[in-house]
N, C-alpha and C. Protein backbone atom coordinates (compact mmCIF):
# COMPACT_ATOMS: atom_id res chain seq x y z
N LEU A 1 -6.16 -17.97 -26.43
CA LEU A 1 -5.06 -17.30 -25.77
C LEU A 1 -3.81 -17.42 -26.64
N LYS A 2 -3.66 -16.46 -27.47
CA LYS A 2 -2.54 -16.46 -28.41
C LYS A 2 -1.21 -16.36 -27.67
N GLY A 3 -0.26 -17.16 -28.09
CA GLY A 3 1.07 -17.10 -27.52
C GLY A 3 1.26 -17.96 -26.28
N MET A 4 0.18 -18.54 -25.77
CA MET A 4 0.27 -19.41 -24.60
C MET A 4 0.52 -20.85 -25.06
N PRO A 5 1.37 -21.60 -24.35
CA PRO A 5 1.63 -22.99 -24.74
C PRO A 5 0.38 -23.85 -24.53
N THR A 6 0.19 -24.80 -25.40
CA THR A 6 -0.93 -25.75 -25.29
C THR A 6 -0.38 -27.16 -25.50
N GLN A 7 -1.25 -28.16 -25.34
CA GLN A 7 -0.82 -29.54 -25.59
C GLN A 7 -0.42 -29.72 -27.04
N ASP A 8 -1.15 -29.09 -27.93
CA ASP A 8 -0.85 -29.22 -29.36
C ASP A 8 0.40 -28.44 -29.77
N ASP A 9 0.68 -27.36 -29.08
CA ASP A 9 1.83 -26.53 -29.40
C ASP A 9 2.58 -26.24 -28.10
N PRO A 10 3.46 -27.15 -27.65
CA PRO A 10 4.08 -27.03 -26.32
C PRO A 10 5.21 -26.02 -26.21
N LYS A 11 5.52 -25.29 -27.26
CA LYS A 11 6.58 -24.27 -27.14
C LYS A 11 6.19 -23.30 -26.03
N GLY A 12 7.08 -23.05 -25.16
CA GLY A 12 6.80 -22.14 -24.06
C GLY A 12 6.68 -22.86 -22.72
N PHE A 13 6.37 -24.16 -22.73
CA PHE A 13 6.37 -24.92 -21.49
C PHE A 13 7.82 -25.09 -21.02
N LEU A 14 8.01 -25.19 -19.71
CA LEU A 14 9.35 -25.45 -19.20
C LEU A 14 9.76 -26.88 -19.52
N THR A 15 11.02 -27.05 -19.85
CA THR A 15 11.55 -28.39 -20.12
C THR A 15 12.20 -28.93 -18.85
N LYS A 16 12.57 -30.21 -18.86
CA LYS A 16 13.26 -30.79 -17.72
C LYS A 16 14.58 -30.06 -17.47
N GLU A 17 15.21 -29.62 -18.53
CA GLU A 17 16.46 -28.88 -18.41
C GLU A 17 16.21 -27.53 -17.70
N ASP A 18 15.10 -26.86 -18.06
CA ASP A 18 14.75 -25.59 -17.41
C ASP A 18 14.51 -25.78 -15.92
N LEU A 19 13.89 -26.87 -15.56
CA LEU A 19 13.53 -27.13 -14.16
C LEU A 19 14.73 -27.43 -13.28
N LYS A 20 15.86 -27.82 -13.87
CA LYS A 20 17.04 -28.17 -13.08
C LYS A 20 17.59 -26.98 -12.29
N VAL A 21 17.39 -25.77 -12.76
CA VAL A 21 17.95 -24.60 -12.08
C VAL A 21 17.02 -24.04 -10.99
N ILE A 22 15.81 -24.57 -10.89
CA ILE A 22 14.84 -24.10 -9.89
C ILE A 22 15.08 -24.86 -8.59
N PRO A 23 15.26 -24.13 -7.46
CA PRO A 23 15.53 -24.82 -6.19
C PRO A 23 14.34 -25.66 -5.73
N THR A 24 14.63 -26.75 -5.06
CA THR A 24 13.59 -27.63 -4.51
C THR A 24 13.96 -27.94 -3.07
N ILE A 25 13.07 -28.62 -2.36
CA ILE A 25 13.35 -29.00 -0.98
C ILE A 25 14.54 -29.96 -0.94
N ASP A 26 14.61 -30.86 -1.92
CA ASP A 26 15.72 -31.82 -1.96
C ASP A 26 17.05 -31.16 -2.32
N ASP A 27 17.01 -30.10 -3.10
CA ASP A 27 18.22 -29.39 -3.52
C ASP A 27 17.98 -27.89 -3.30
N PRO A 28 18.18 -27.41 -2.06
CA PRO A 28 17.77 -26.04 -1.71
C PRO A 28 18.70 -24.92 -2.19
N LYS A 29 19.73 -25.23 -2.96
CA LYS A 29 20.59 -24.15 -3.46
C LYS A 29 19.72 -23.18 -4.25
N GLY A 30 19.85 -21.92 -3.95
CA GLY A 30 19.05 -20.92 -4.65
C GLY A 30 17.97 -20.32 -3.77
N PHE A 31 17.56 -21.04 -2.70
CA PHE A 31 16.63 -20.46 -1.75
C PHE A 31 17.36 -19.42 -0.91
N ALA A 32 16.66 -18.42 -0.47
CA ALA A 32 17.27 -17.40 0.38
C ALA A 32 17.60 -18.01 1.74
N THR A 33 18.72 -17.58 2.30
CA THR A 33 19.10 -18.05 3.64
C THR A 33 18.36 -17.21 4.68
N THR A 34 18.40 -17.68 5.92
CA THR A 34 17.77 -16.95 7.01
C THR A 34 18.38 -15.56 7.13
N ALA A 35 19.68 -15.47 7.00
CA ALA A 35 20.36 -14.16 7.09
C ALA A 35 19.91 -13.23 5.97
N GLN A 36 19.78 -13.77 4.77
CA GLN A 36 19.32 -12.95 3.65
C GLN A 36 17.88 -12.47 3.88
N LEU A 37 17.04 -13.35 4.39
CA LEU A 37 15.65 -12.98 4.66
C LEU A 37 15.57 -11.89 5.74
N LYS A 38 16.40 -12.03 6.78
CA LYS A 38 16.42 -11.02 7.84
C LYS A 38 16.90 -9.67 7.30
N ALA A 39 17.93 -9.69 6.48
CA ALA A 39 18.44 -8.45 5.89
C ALA A 39 17.38 -7.79 5.01
N GLU A 40 16.69 -8.58 4.23
CA GLU A 40 15.63 -8.05 3.38
C GLU A 40 14.49 -7.50 4.22
N SER A 41 14.20 -8.17 5.32
CA SER A 41 13.14 -7.72 6.22
C SER A 41 13.48 -6.35 6.82
N VAL A 42 14.74 -6.19 7.23
CA VAL A 42 15.19 -4.92 7.80
C VAL A 42 15.08 -3.81 6.75
N GLU A 43 15.51 -4.10 5.54
CA GLU A 43 15.44 -3.11 4.45
C GLU A 43 13.99 -2.75 4.13
N THR A 44 13.13 -3.74 4.07
CA THR A 44 11.71 -3.49 3.78
C THR A 44 11.08 -2.65 4.88
N ARG A 45 11.39 -2.97 6.12
CA ARG A 45 10.85 -2.22 7.25
C ARG A 45 11.30 -0.75 7.19
N ARG A 46 12.57 -0.54 6.88
CA ARG A 46 13.09 0.83 6.77
C ARG A 46 12.37 1.59 5.67
N TYR A 47 12.19 0.95 4.53
CA TYR A 47 11.52 1.58 3.41
C TYR A 47 10.06 1.91 3.76
N MET A 48 9.39 1.01 4.45
CA MET A 48 7.99 1.26 4.83
C MET A 48 7.89 2.42 5.82
N LYS A 49 8.87 2.55 6.71
CA LYS A 49 8.87 3.68 7.64
C LYS A 49 9.01 5.00 6.89
N VAL A 50 9.85 5.02 5.87
CA VAL A 50 10.01 6.22 5.05
C VAL A 50 8.69 6.56 4.36
N LEU A 51 8.05 5.55 3.78
CA LEU A 51 6.76 5.78 3.12
C LEU A 51 5.72 6.27 4.12
N TYR A 52 5.69 5.66 5.30
CA TYR A 52 4.74 6.05 6.33
C TYR A 52 4.93 7.50 6.74
N GLU A 53 6.17 7.90 6.97
CA GLU A 53 6.44 9.28 7.38
C GLU A 53 6.04 10.26 6.28
N ASP A 54 6.32 9.90 5.03
CA ASP A 54 5.96 10.76 3.90
C ASP A 54 4.44 10.90 3.81
N LEU A 55 3.74 9.80 3.94
CA LEU A 55 2.28 9.82 3.90
C LEU A 55 1.71 10.61 5.06
N LYS A 56 2.31 10.45 6.22
CA LYS A 56 1.86 11.17 7.41
C LYS A 56 1.99 12.69 7.21
N SER A 57 3.09 13.11 6.62
CA SER A 57 3.27 14.55 6.39
C SER A 57 2.29 15.07 5.34
N ASP A 58 2.00 14.24 4.33
CA ASP A 58 1.01 14.64 3.32
C ASP A 58 -0.38 14.78 3.95
N ILE A 59 -0.74 13.85 4.81
CA ILE A 59 -2.04 13.91 5.49
C ILE A 59 -2.10 15.14 6.38
N ARG A 60 -1.01 15.45 7.06
CA ARG A 60 -0.96 16.64 7.91
C ARG A 60 -1.20 17.90 7.08
N LEU A 61 -0.57 17.98 5.90
CA LEU A 61 -0.77 19.14 5.03
C LEU A 61 -2.22 19.27 4.58
N VAL A 62 -2.83 18.16 4.22
CA VAL A 62 -4.23 18.18 3.80
C VAL A 62 -5.12 18.62 4.95
N ALA A 63 -4.85 18.11 6.14
CA ALA A 63 -5.65 18.47 7.32
C ALA A 63 -5.52 19.97 7.63
N GLU A 64 -4.30 20.49 7.53
CA GLU A 64 -4.10 21.92 7.77
C GLU A 64 -4.83 22.75 6.72
N GLY A 65 -4.75 22.33 5.47
CA GLY A 65 -5.46 23.04 4.40
C GLY A 65 -6.96 23.01 4.62
N LEU A 66 -7.46 21.87 5.04
CA LEU A 66 -8.89 21.74 5.30
C LEU A 66 -9.31 22.63 6.46
N ALA A 67 -8.48 22.69 7.49
CA ALA A 67 -8.79 23.55 8.64
C ALA A 67 -8.83 25.01 8.22
N ASP A 68 -7.85 25.43 7.39
CA ASP A 68 -7.85 26.81 6.90
C ASP A 68 -9.08 27.09 6.05
N LEU A 69 -9.41 26.18 5.17
CA LEU A 69 -10.58 26.36 4.32
C LEU A 69 -11.86 26.42 5.14
N THR A 70 -11.94 25.60 6.17
CA THR A 70 -13.12 25.60 7.03
C THR A 70 -13.26 26.94 7.74
N ARG A 71 -12.16 27.50 8.21
CA ARG A 71 -12.21 28.81 8.87
C ARG A 71 -12.69 29.89 7.91
N VAL A 72 -12.20 29.86 6.68
CA VAL A 72 -12.60 30.87 5.69
C VAL A 72 -14.08 30.73 5.34
N VAL A 73 -14.49 29.51 5.10
CA VAL A 73 -15.87 29.26 4.66
C VAL A 73 -16.86 29.45 5.81
N ALA A 74 -16.41 29.21 7.04
CA ALA A 74 -17.30 29.32 8.19
C ALA A 74 -17.89 30.73 8.31
N GLY A 75 -17.18 31.73 7.80
CA GLY A 75 -17.68 33.09 7.84
C GLY A 75 -18.84 33.34 6.88
N HIS A 76 -19.01 32.46 5.92
CA HIS A 76 -20.09 32.60 4.95
C HIS A 76 -21.23 31.66 5.33
N ASP A 77 -22.44 32.17 5.26
CA ASP A 77 -23.59 31.35 5.66
C ASP A 77 -24.37 30.94 4.42
N HIS A 78 -23.83 29.99 3.68
CA HIS A 78 -24.49 29.50 2.46
C HIS A 78 -24.85 28.03 2.68
N PRO A 79 -26.10 27.63 2.43
CA PRO A 79 -26.52 26.25 2.71
C PRO A 79 -25.69 25.19 1.98
N ASP A 80 -25.30 25.43 0.73
CA ASP A 80 -24.51 24.44 -0.01
C ASP A 80 -23.15 24.24 0.65
N ILE A 81 -22.54 25.34 1.03
CA ILE A 81 -21.22 25.27 1.67
C ILE A 81 -21.33 24.57 3.01
N ARG A 82 -22.36 24.89 3.76
CA ARG A 82 -22.56 24.27 5.07
C ARG A 82 -22.72 22.75 4.92
N GLY A 83 -23.46 22.31 3.90
CA GLY A 83 -23.64 20.87 3.64
C GLY A 83 -22.32 20.21 3.27
N ASP A 84 -21.52 20.90 2.44
CA ASP A 84 -20.22 20.36 2.05
C ASP A 84 -19.31 20.19 3.27
N ILE A 85 -19.33 21.19 4.13
CA ILE A 85 -18.50 21.13 5.34
C ILE A 85 -18.94 19.96 6.21
N SER A 86 -20.24 19.75 6.33
CA SER A 86 -20.74 18.64 7.15
C SER A 86 -20.28 17.31 6.58
N ARG A 87 -20.32 17.16 5.26
CA ARG A 87 -19.87 15.91 4.64
C ARG A 87 -18.37 15.71 4.85
N ILE A 88 -17.61 16.77 4.73
CA ILE A 88 -16.17 16.67 4.93
C ILE A 88 -15.88 16.31 6.39
N ASP A 89 -16.60 16.94 7.31
CA ASP A 89 -16.41 16.61 8.73
C ASP A 89 -16.67 15.14 8.99
N LEU A 90 -17.72 14.60 8.37
CA LEU A 90 -18.03 13.17 8.54
C LEU A 90 -16.92 12.29 7.99
N ARG A 91 -16.39 12.66 6.82
CA ARG A 91 -15.31 11.87 6.22
C ARG A 91 -14.07 11.88 7.11
N VAL A 92 -13.74 13.06 7.64
CA VAL A 92 -12.57 13.17 8.52
C VAL A 92 -12.79 12.34 9.78
N LEU A 93 -14.00 12.39 10.34
CA LEU A 93 -14.31 11.61 11.52
C LEU A 93 -14.16 10.11 11.24
N LYS A 94 -14.64 9.66 10.07
CA LYS A 94 -14.50 8.25 9.71
C LYS A 94 -13.03 7.86 9.58
N LEU A 95 -12.23 8.73 8.95
CA LEU A 95 -10.80 8.44 8.81
C LEU A 95 -10.10 8.37 10.16
N GLU A 96 -10.46 9.30 11.05
CA GLU A 96 -9.86 9.30 12.38
C GLU A 96 -10.24 8.04 13.15
N THR A 97 -11.49 7.61 12.99
CA THR A 97 -11.96 6.40 13.67
C THR A 97 -11.20 5.18 13.16
N LYS A 98 -11.02 5.09 11.83
CA LYS A 98 -10.26 3.98 11.26
C LYS A 98 -8.83 3.98 11.78
N LYS A 99 -8.24 5.16 11.85
CA LYS A 99 -6.85 5.29 12.30
C LYS A 99 -6.73 4.81 13.75
N LYS A 100 -7.69 5.20 14.61
CA LYS A 100 -7.65 4.78 16.00
C LYS A 100 -7.84 3.28 16.13
N SER A 101 -8.73 2.70 15.30
CA SER A 101 -8.96 1.26 15.39
C SER A 101 -7.75 0.47 14.91
N ARG A 102 -6.99 1.01 13.95
CA ARG A 102 -5.77 0.35 13.49
C ARG A 102 -4.71 0.36 14.57
N ARG A 103 -4.63 1.49 15.30
CA ARG A 103 -3.64 1.59 16.38
C ARG A 103 -3.95 0.60 17.49
N ALA A 104 -5.23 0.39 17.74
CA ALA A 104 -5.64 -0.50 18.83
C ALA A 104 -5.31 -1.96 18.50
N SER A 105 -5.28 -2.31 17.19
CA SER A 105 -5.03 -3.71 16.83
C SER A 105 -3.58 -4.05 16.80
């Protein structure tokens, strides 16, 4: 492991001087306060809601596209297409089942 400190070549290991700036239980300066943790929690929750809504709208678009494609293809009676539709239906059913089980927990 090139560049990693070893017993023979200790360059790269933290020194006692380096460790002085790291917070400990005995000297907690540097640890986040309860207020800081709560503020970060609120910010993280807000960000996750934004991501969730964005993902939800993307899933809705895919579902609408799939529904349109299914309507178009349903008019054609080709065995390969029918098999593909069945596989897609199964995948959608599995996703819906997972989504319902997550909501229940």
